[in-house]
Amino acid sequence: ENLPGYSVSLLSPTADSLRAVLDRLGATIALTPEQVD
């Protein structure tokens, strides 16, 4: 069957800002700690 698929691209100037965005996205997208790492 057909299932929707999504792709998210993030542009971040620093590792800290990327980590902060990933933490905020965790409320919307189920991200495992392994995926964040």
PDB file of all heavy atoms in Angstrom:
ATOM      1  N   GLU A   1       0.841  -1.190   0.000  1.00  0.00           N
ATOM      2  CA  GLU A   1       0.000   0.000   0.000  1.00  0.00           C
ATOM      3  C   GLU A   1       0.879   1.244   0.000  1.00  0.00           C
ATOM      4  O   GLU A   1       2.087   1.155   0.206  1.00  0.00           O
ATOM      5  CB  GLU A   1      -0.928   0.002   1.214  1.00  0.00           C
ATOM      6  CG  GLU A   1      -0.216   0.005   2.539  1.00  0.00           C
ATOM      7  CD  GLU A   1      -1.173  -0.094   3.705  1.00  0.00           C
ATOM      8  OE1 GLU A   1      -2.256   0.497   3.642  1.00  0.00           O
ATOM      9  OE2 GLU A   1      -0.828  -0.755   4.685  1.00  0.00           O
ATOM     10  N   ASN A   2       0.274   2.358  -0.246  1.00  0.00           N
ATOM     11  CA  ASN A   2       1.004   3.619  -0.257  1.00  0.00           C
ATOM     12  C   ASN A   2       0.953   4.238   1.129  1.00  0.00           C
ATOM     13  O   ASN A   2      -0.106   4.342   1.736  1.00  0.00           O
ATOM     14  CB  ASN A   2       0.379   4.596  -1.262  1.00  0.00           C
ATOM     15  CG  ASN A   2       0.541   4.102  -2.670  1.00  0.00           C
ATOM     16  OD1 ASN A   2       1.613   3.659  -3.035  1.00  0.00           O
ATOM     17  ND2 ASN A   2      -0.516   4.176  -3.458  1.00  0.00           N
ATOM     18  N   LEU A   3       2.092   4.628   1.634  1.00  0.00           N
ATOM     19  CA  LEU A   3       2.175   5.314   2.912  1.00  0.00           C
ATOM     20  C   LEU A   3       2.924   6.611   2.709  1.00  0.00           C
ATOM     21  O   LEU A   3       3.882   6.667   1.934  1.00  0.00           O
ATOM     22  CB  LEU A   3       2.926   4.454   3.942  1.00  0.00           C
ATOM     23  CG  LEU A   3       2.280   3.120   4.290  1.00  0.00           C
ATOM     24  CD1 LEU A   3       3.193   2.314   5.197  1.00  0.00           C
ATOM     25  CD2 LEU A   3       0.938   3.351   4.964  1.00  0.00           C
ATOM     26  N   PRO A   4       2.497   7.682   3.382  1.00  0.00           N
ATOM     27  CA  PRO A   4       3.219   8.946   3.217  1.00  0.00           C
ATOM     28  C   PRO A   4       4.611   8.845   3.820  1.00  0.00           C
ATOM     29  O   PRO A   4       4.832   8.159   4.820  1.00  0.00           O
ATOM     30  CB  PRO A   4       2.357   9.959   3.974  1.00  0.00           C
ATOM     31  CG  PRO A   4       1.554   9.146   4.931  1.00  0.00           C
ATOM     32  CD  PRO A   4       1.378   7.797   4.309  1.00  0.00           C
ATOM     33  N   GLY A   5       5.551   9.517   3.192  1.00  0.00           N
ATOM     34  CA  GLY A   5       6.923   9.587   3.695  1.00  0.00           C
ATOM     35  C   GLY A   5       7.365  11.037   3.720  1.00  0.00           C
ATOM     36  O   GLY A   5       6.931  11.842   2.894  1.00  0.00           O
ATOM     37  N   TYR A   6       8.199  11.366   4.669  1.00  0.00           N
ATOM     38  CA  TYR A   6       8.633  12.742   4.826  1.00  0.00           C
ATOM     39  C   TYR A   6      10.148  12.802   4.971  1.00  0.00           C
ATOM     40  O   TYR A   6      10.775  11.870   5.447  1.00  0.00           O
ATOM     41  CB  TYR A   6       7.980  13.372   6.062  1.00  0.00           C
ATOM     42  CG  TYR A   6       6.475  13.332   6.007  1.00  0.00           C
ATOM     43  CD1 TYR A   6       5.772  12.295   6.605  1.00  0.00           C
ATOM     44  CD2 TYR A   6       5.766  14.302   5.334  1.00  0.00           C
ATOM     45  CE1 TYR A   6       4.391  12.237   6.536  1.00  0.00           C
ATOM     46  CE2 TYR A   6       4.392  14.255   5.256  1.00  0.00           C
ATOM     47  CZ  TYR A   6       3.700  13.229   5.872  1.00  0.00           C
ATOM     48  OH  TYR A   6       2.350  13.172   5.795  1.00  0.00           O
ATOM     49  N   SER A   7      10.695  13.917   4.586  1.00  0.00           N
ATOM     50  CA  SER A   7      12.122  14.165   4.742  1.00  0.00           C
ATOM     51  C   SER A   7      12.288  15.551   5.352  1.00  0.00           C
ATOM     52  O   SER A   7      11.657  16.505   4.907  1.00  0.00           O
ATOM     53  CB  SER A   7      12.809  14.098   3.377  1.00  0.00           C
ATOM     54  OG  SER A   7      14.151  14.441   3.495  1.00  0.00           O
ATOM     55  N   VAL A   8      13.128  15.636   6.374  1.00  0.00           N
ATOM     56  CA  VAL A   8      13.386  16.910   7.034  1.00  0.00           C
ATOM     57  C   VAL A   8      14.868  17.220   6.891  1.00  0.00           C
ATOM     58  O   VAL A   8      15.709  16.379   7.171  1.00  0.00           O
ATOM     59  CB  VAL A   8      13.005  16.852   8.528  1.00  0.00           C
ATOM     60  CG1 VAL A   8      13.349  18.141   9.237  1.00  0.00           C
ATOM     61  CG2 VAL A   8      11.530  16.527   8.692  1.00  0.00           C
ATOM     62  N   SER A   9      15.179  18.424   6.429  1.00  0.00           N
ATOM     63  CA  SER A   9      16.566  18.871   6.319  1.00  0.00           C
ATOM     64  C   SER A   9      16.768  20.054   7.255  1.00  0.00           C
ATOM     65  O   SER A   9      15.956  20.978   7.279  1.00  0.00           O
ATOM     66  CB  SER A   9      16.890  19.307   4.892  1.00  0.00           C
ATOM     67  OG  SER A   9      16.749  18.230   4.015  1.00  0.00           O
ATOM     68  N   LEU A  10      17.835  19.999   8.017  1.00  0.00           N
ATOM     69  CA  LEU A  10      18.147  21.084   8.945  1.00  0.00           C
ATOM     70  C   LEU A  10      19.495  21.687   8.576  1.00  0.00           C
ATOM     71  O   LEU A  10      20.444  20.963   8.306  1.00  0.00           O
ATOM     72  CB  LEU A  10      18.228  20.555  10.381  1.00  0.00           C
ATOM     73  CG  LEU A  10      16.987  19.883  10.938  1.00  0.00           C
ATOM     74  CD1 LEU A  10      17.294  19.255  12.285  1.00  0.00           C
ATOM     75  CD2 LEU A  10      15.859  20.877  11.059  1.00  0.00           C
ATOM     76  N   LEU A  11      19.565  23.004   8.604  1.00  0.00           N
ATOM     77  CA  LEU A  11      20.828  23.706   8.421  1.00  0.00           C
ATOM     78  C   LEU A  11      21.118  24.418   9.732  1.00  0.00           C
ATOM     79  O   LEU A  11      20.328  25.241  10.187  1.00  0.00           O
ATOM     80  CB  LEU A  11      20.744  24.715   7.277  1.00  0.00           C
ATOM     81  CG  LEU A  11      20.497  24.132   5.899  1.00  0.00           C
ATOM     82  CD1 LEU A  11      20.316  25.247   4.881  1.00  0.00           C
ATOM     83  CD2 LEU A  11      21.632  23.233   5.500  1.00  0.00           C
ATOM     84  N   SER A  12      22.231  24.101  10.332  1.00  0.00           N
ATOM     85  CA  SER A  12      22.558  24.674  11.627  1.00  0.00           C
ATOM     86  C   SER A  12      24.005  25.151  11.625  1.00  0.00           C
ATOM     87  O   SER A  12      24.890  24.442  11.146  1.00  0.00           O
ATOM     88  CB  SER A  12      22.358  23.613  12.700  1.00  0.00           C
ATOM     89  OG  SER A  12      22.670  24.127  13.953  1.00  0.00           O
ATOM     90  N   PRO A  13      24.274  26.323  12.188  1.00  0.00           N
ATOM     91  CA  PRO A  13      25.651  26.821  12.201  1.00  0.00           C
ATOM     92  C   PRO A  13      26.529  26.143  13.256  1.00  0.00           C
ATOM     93  O   PRO A  13      27.734  26.090  13.106  1.00  0.00           O
ATOM     94  CB  PRO A  13      25.501  28.312  12.493  1.00  0.00           C
ATOM     95  CG  PRO A  13      24.187  28.431  13.185  1.00  0.00           C
ATOM     96  CD  PRO A  13      23.327  27.319  12.659  1.00  0.00           C
ATOM     97  N   THR A  14      25.919  25.616  14.322  1.00  0.00           N
ATOM     98  CA  THR A  14      26.708  24.993  15.388  1.00  0.00           C
ATOM     99  C   THR A  14      26.068  23.690  15.854  1.00  0.00           C
ATOM    100  O   THR A  14      24.868  23.471  15.653  1.00  0.00           O
ATOM    101  CB  THR A  14      26.823  25.925  16.616  1.00  0.00           C
ATOM    102  OG1 THR A  14      25.523  26.077  17.198  1.00  0.00           O
ATOM    103  CG2 THR A  14      27.405  27.273  16.253  1.00  0.00           C
ATOM    104  N   ALA A  15      26.871  22.869  16.490  1.00  0.00           N
ATOM    105  CA  ALA A  15      26.366  21.603  17.035  1.00  0.00           C
ATOM    106  C   ALA A  15      25.336  21.865  18.135  1.00  0.00           C
ATOM    107  O   ALA A  15      24.333  21.149  18.235  1.00  0.00           O
ATOM    108  CB  ALA A  15      27.518  20.758  17.558  1.00  0.00           C
ATOM    109  N   ASP A  16      25.552  22.891  18.941  1.00  0.00           N
ATOM    110  CA  ASP A  16      24.602  23.206  20.016  1.00  0.00           C
ATOM    111  C   ASP A  16      23.234  23.603  19.476  1.00  0.00           C
ATOM    112  O   ASP A  16      22.204  23.175  19.992  1.00  0.00           O
ATOM    113  CB  ASP A  16      25.148  24.322  20.907  1.00  0.00           C
ATOM    114  CG  ASP A  16      26.334  23.880  21.743  1.00  0.00           C
ATOM    115  OD1 ASP A  16      26.482  22.658  21.976  1.00  0.00           O
ATOM    116  OD2 ASP A  16      27.114  24.750  22.165  1.00  0.00           O
ATOM    117  N   SER A  17      23.224  24.407  18.418  1.00  0.00           N
ATOM    118  CA  SER A  17      21.929  24.819  17.864  1.00  0.00           C
ATOM    119  C   SER A  17      21.236  23.634  17.194  1.00  0.00           C
ATOM    120  O   SER A  17      20.013  23.504  17.265  1.00  0.00           O
ATOM    121  CB  SER A  17      22.083  25.989  16.896  1.00  0.00           C
ATOM    122  OG  SER A  17      22.850  25.628  15.771  1.00  0.00           O
ATOM    123  N   LEU A  18      22.001  22.752  16.562  1.00  0.00           N
ATOM    124  CA  LEU A  18      21.401  21.557  15.972  1.00  0.00           C
ATOM    125  C   LEU A  18      20.791  20.682  17.059  1.00  0.00           C
ATOM    126  O   LEU A  18      19.667  20.197  16.922  1.00  0.00           O
ATOM    127  CB  LEU A  18      22.430  20.762  15.170  1.00  0.00           C
ATOM    128  CG  LEU A  18      21.918  19.456  14.569  1.00  0.00           C
ATOM    129  CD1 LEU A  18      20.783  19.705  13.591  1.00  0.00           C
ATOM    130  CD2 LEU A  18      23.058  18.710  13.893  1.00  0.00           C
ATOM    131  N   ARG A  19      21.509  20.476  18.144  1.00  0.00           N
ATOM    132  CA  ARG A  19      20.998  19.663  19.259  1.00  0.00           C
ATOM    133  C   ARG A  19      19.710  20.267  19.810  1.00  0.00           C
ATOM    134  O   ARG A  19      18.749  19.561  20.096  1.00  0.00           O
ATOM    135  CB  ARG A  19      22.064  19.553  20.342  1.00  0.00           C
ATOM    136  CG  ARG A  19      21.646  18.883  21.619  1.00  0.00           C
ATOM    137  CD  ARG A  19      21.604  17.409  21.583  1.00  0.00           C
ATOM    138  NE  ARG A  19      22.920  16.843  21.396  1.00  0.00           N
ATOM    139  CZ  ARG A  19      23.121  15.553  21.311  1.00  0.00           C
ATOM    140  NH1 ARG A  19      22.122  14.719  21.423  1.00  0.00           N
ATOM    141  NH2 ARG A  19      24.316  15.077  21.104  1.00  0.00           N
ATOM    142  N   ALA A  20      19.659  21.599  19.939  1.00  0.00           N
ATOM    143  CA  ALA A  20      18.454  22.264  20.445  1.00  0.00           C
ATOM    144  C   ALA A  20      17.264  22.049  19.512  1.00  0.00           C
ATOM    145  O   ALA A  20      16.151  21.786  19.965  1.00  0.00           O
ATOM    146  CB  ALA A  20      18.725  23.759  20.636  1.00  0.00           C
ATOM    147  N   VAL A  21      17.492  22.152  18.206  1.00  0.00           N
ATOM    148  CA  VAL A  21      16.415  21.936  17.238  1.00  0.00           C
ATOM    149  C   VAL A  21      15.952  20.482  17.284  1.00  0.00           C
ATOM    150  O   VAL A  21      14.752  20.199  17.263  1.00  0.00           O
ATOM    151  CB  VAL A  21      16.858  22.331  15.815  1.00  0.00           C
ATOM    152  CG1 VAL A  21      15.850  21.887  14.783  1.00  0.00           C
ATOM    153  CG2 VAL A  21      17.076  23.826  15.723  1.00  0.00           C
ATOM    154  N   LEU A  22      16.890  19.552  17.360  1.00  0.00           N
ATOM    155  CA  LEU A  22      16.513  18.136  17.432  1.00  0.00           C
ATOM    156  C   LEU A  22      15.721  17.845  18.702  1.00  0.00           C
ATOM    157  O   LEU A  22      14.758  17.061  18.670  1.00  0.00           O
ATOM    158  CB  LEU A  22      17.754  17.255  17.360  1.00  0.00           C
ATOM    159  CG  LEU A  22      18.465  17.225  16.007  1.00  0.00           C
ATOM    160  CD1 LEU A  22      19.777  16.459  16.114  1.00  0.00           C
ATOM    161  CD2 LEU A  22      17.578  16.632  14.930  1.00  0.00           C
ATOM    162  N   ASP A  23      16.071  18.488  19.796  1.00  0.00           N
ATOM    163  CA  ASP A  23      15.313  18.313  21.036  1.00  0.00           C
ATOM    164  C   ASP A  23      13.887  18.838  20.885  1.00  0.00           C
ATOM    165  O   ASP A  23      12.936  18.208  21.335  1.00  0.00           O
ATOM    166  CB  ASP A  23      16.010  19.008  22.205  1.00  0.00           C
ATOM    167  CG  ASP A  23      17.287  18.304  22.634  1.00  0.00           C
ATOM    168  OD1 ASP A  23      17.470  17.117  22.275  1.00  0.00           O
ATOM    169  OD2 ASP A  23      18.110  18.945  23.320  1.00  0.00           O
ATOM    170  N   ARG A  24      13.738  19.997  20.218  1.00  0.00           N
ATOM    171  CA  ARG A  24      12.390  20.542  19.991  1.00  0.00           C
ATOM    172  C   ARG A  24      11.598  19.659  19.041  1.00  0.00           C
ATOM    173  O   ARG A  24      10.403  19.466  19.213  1.00  0.00           O
ATOM    174  CB  ARG A  24      12.483  21.963  19.445  1.00  0.00           C
ATOM    175  CG  ARG A  24      12.819  22.983  20.509  1.00  0.00           C
ATOM    176  CD  ARG A  24      12.540  24.405  20.040  1.00  0.00           C
ATOM    177  NE  ARG A  24      13.041  24.700  18.717  1.00  0.00           N
ATOM    178  CZ  ARG A  24      14.167  25.350  18.446  1.00  0.00           C
ATOM    179  NH1 ARG A  24      14.933  25.768  19.431  1.00  0.00           N
ATOM    180  NH2 ARG A  24      14.533  25.601  17.218  1.00  0.00           N
ATOM    181  N   LEU A  25      12.259  19.127  18.012  1.00  0.00           N
ATOM    182  CA  LEU A  25      11.562  18.253  17.065  1.00  0.00           C
ATOM    183  C   LEU A  25      11.119  16.948  17.717  1.00  0.00           C
ATOM    184  O   LEU A  25      10.164  16.325  17.269  1.00  0.00           O
ATOM    185  CB  LEU A  25      12.458  17.928  15.876  1.00  0.00           C
ATOM    186  CG  LEU A  25      12.528  18.948  14.770  1.00  0.00           C
ATOM    187  CD1 LEU A  25      13.525  18.510  13.715  1.00  0.00           C
ATOM    188  CD2 LEU A  25      11.177  19.174  14.150  1.00  0.00           C
ATOM    189  N   GLY A  26      11.819  16.540  18.759  1.00  0.00           N
ATOM    190  CA  GLY A  26      11.473  15.304  19.445  1.00  0.00           C
ATOM    191  C   GLY A  26      10.054  15.296  19.970  1.00  0.00           C
ATOM    192  O   GLY A  26       9.467  14.233  20.166  1.00  0.00           O
ATOM    193  N   ALA A  27       9.463  16.482  20.192  1.00  0.00           N
ATOM    194  CA  ALA A  27       8.077  16.565  20.632  1.00  0.00           C
ATOM    195  C   ALA A  27       7.108  16.250  19.497  1.00  0.00           C
ATOM    196  O   ALA A  27       5.974  15.854  19.733  1.00  0.00           O
ATOM    197  CB  ALA A  27       7.793  17.950  21.195  1.00  0.00           C
ATOM    198  N   THR A  28       7.557  16.413  18.260  1.00  0.00           N
ATOM    199  CA  THR A  28       6.697  16.190  17.096  1.00  0.00           C
ATOM    200  C   THR A  28       7.030  14.896  16.367  1.00  0.00           C
ATOM    201  O   THR A  28       6.144  14.167  15.944  1.00  0.00           O
ATOM    202  CB  THR A  28       6.850  17.369  16.100  1.00  0.00           C
ATOM    203  OG1 THR A  28       6.604  18.577  16.805  1.00  0.00           O
ATOM    204  CG2 THR A  28       5.894  17.230  14.943  1.00  0.00           C
ATOM    205  N   ILE A  29       8.313  14.639  16.227  1.00  0.00           N
ATOM    206  CA  ILE A  29       8.797  13.465  15.504  1.00  0.00           C
ATOM    207  C   ILE A  29       9.428  12.521  16.519  1.00  0.00           C
ATOM    208  O   ILE A  29      10.218  12.947  17.344  1.00  0.00           O
ATOM    209  CB  ILE A  29       9.865  13.863  14.459  1.00  0.00           C
ATOM    210  CG1 ILE A  29       9.306  14.871  13.469  1.00  0.00           C
ATOM    211  CG2 ILE A  29      10.392  12.634  13.739  1.00  0.00           C
ATOM    212  CD1 ILE A  29      10.352  15.459  12.556  1.00  0.00           C
ATOM    213  N   ALA A  30       9.091  11.258  16.459  1.00  0.00           N
ATOM    214  CA  ALA A  30       9.673  10.285  17.391  1.00  0.00           C
ATOM    215  C   ALA A  30      11.127  10.029  17.007  1.00  0.00           C
ATOM    216  O   ALA A  30      11.413   9.276  16.084  1.00  0.00           O
ATOM    217  CB  ALA A  30       8.874   8.996  17.365  1.00  0.00           C
ATOM    218  N   LEU A  31      12.045  10.699  17.687  1.00  0.00           N
ATOM    219  CA  LEU A  31      13.474  10.529  17.434  1.00  0.00           C
ATOM    220  C   LEU A  31      14.077   9.734  18.579  1.00  0.00           C
ATOM    221  O   LEU A  31      13.931  10.104  19.743  1.00  0.00           O
ATOM    222  CB  LEU A  31      14.185  11.878  17.342  1.00  0.00           C
ATOM    223  CG  LEU A  31      13.852  12.757  16.154  1.00  0.00           C
ATOM    224  CD1 LEU A  31      14.516  14.119  16.305  1.00  0.00           C
ATOM    225  CD2 LEU A  31      14.294  12.095  14.872  1.00  0.00           C
ATOM    226  N   THR A  32      14.784   8.674  18.250  1.00  0.00           N
ATOM    227  CA  THR A  32      15.470   7.905  19.278  1.00  0.00           C
ATOM    228  C   THR A  32      16.802   8.584  19.595  1.00  0.00           C
ATOM    229  O   THR A  32      17.324   9.346  18.770  1.00  0.00           O
ATOM    230  CB  THR A  32      15.743   6.471  18.807  1.00  0.00           C
ATOM    231  OG1 THR A  32      16.669   6.511  17.721  1.00  0.00           O
ATOM    232  CG2 THR A  32      14.462   5.760  18.390  1.00  0.00           C
ATOM    233  N   PRO A  33      17.363   8.310  20.765  1.00  0.00           N
ATOM    234  CA  PRO A  33      18.687   8.864  21.066  1.00  0.00           C
ATOM    235  C   PRO A  33      19.739   8.446  20.039  1.00  0.00           C
ATOM    236  O   PRO A  33      20.638   9.226  19.712  1.00  0.00           O
ATOM    237  CB  PRO A  33      19.010   8.286  22.451  1.00  0.00           C
ATOM    238  CG  PRO A  33      17.681   8.011  23.062  1.00  0.00           C
ATOM    239  CD  PRO A  33      16.795   7.618  21.920  1.00  0.00           C
ATOM    240  N   GLU A  34      19.602   7.250  19.481  1.00  0.00           N
ATOM    241  CA  GLU A  34      20.542   6.789  18.451  1.00  0.00           C
ATOM    242  C   GLU A  34      20.424   7.639  17.191  1.00  0.00           C
ATOM    243  O   GLU A  34      21.429   7.951  16.546  1.00  0.00           O
ATOM    244  CB  GLU A  34      20.298   5.312  18.118  1.00  0.00           C
ATOM    245  CG  GLU A  34      20.626   4.361  19.255  1.00  0.00           C
ATOM    246  CD  GLU A  34      19.535   4.278  20.325  1.00  0.00           C
ATOM    247  OE1 GLU A  34      18.382   4.712  20.064  1.00  0.00           O
ATOM    248  OE2 GLU A  34      19.848   3.812  21.427  1.00  0.00           O
ATOM    249  N   GLN A  35      19.204   8.012  16.813  1.00  0.00           N
ATOM    250  CA  GLN A  35      19.013   8.850  15.627  1.00  0.00           C
ATOM    251  C   GLN A  35      19.593  10.250  15.845  1.00  0.00           C
ATOM    252  O   GLN A  35      20.192  10.825  14.937  1.00  0.00           O
ATOM    253  CB  GLN A  35      17.526   8.942  15.276  1.00  0.00           C
ATOM    254  CG  GLN A  35      16.952   7.651  14.745  1.00  0.00           C
ATOM    255  CD  GLN A  35      15.447   7.707  14.600  1.00  0.00           C
ATOM    256  OE1 GLN A  35      14.753   8.203  15.480  1.00  0.00           O
ATOM    257  NE2 GLN A  35      14.944   7.192  13.486  1.00  0.00           N
ATOM    258  N   VAL A  36      19.419  10.783  17.046  1.00  0.00           N
ATOM    259  CA  VAL A  36      19.994  12.101  17.364  1.00  0.00           C
ATOM    260  C   VAL A  36      21.516  12.025  17.308  1.00  0.00           C
ATOM    261  O   VAL A  36      22.170  12.893  16.725  1.00  0.00           O
ATOM    262  CB  VAL A  36      19.501  12.602  18.736  1.00  0.00           C
ATOM    263  CG1 VAL A  36      20.240  13.860  19.157  1.00  0.00           C
ATOM    264  CG2 VAL A  36      17.999  12.841  18.708  1.00  0.00           C
ATOM    265  N   ASP A  37      22.096  10.976  17.902  1.00  0.00           N
ATOM    266  CA  ASP A  37      23.551  10.810  17.868  1.00  0.00           C
ATOM    267  C   ASP A  37      24.059  10.671  16.436  1.00  0.00           C
ATOM    268  O   ASP A  37      25.094  11.248  16.082  1.00  0.00           O
ATOM    269  CB  ASP A  37      23.974   9.592  18.693  1.00  0.00           C
ATOM    270  CG  ASP A  37      23.780   9.804  20.189  1.00  0.00           C
ATOM    271  OD1 ASP A  37      23.662  10.974  20.612  1.00  0.00           O
ATOM    272  OD2 ASP A  37      23.743   8.795  20.918  1.00  0.00           O
TER     273      ASP A  37
END
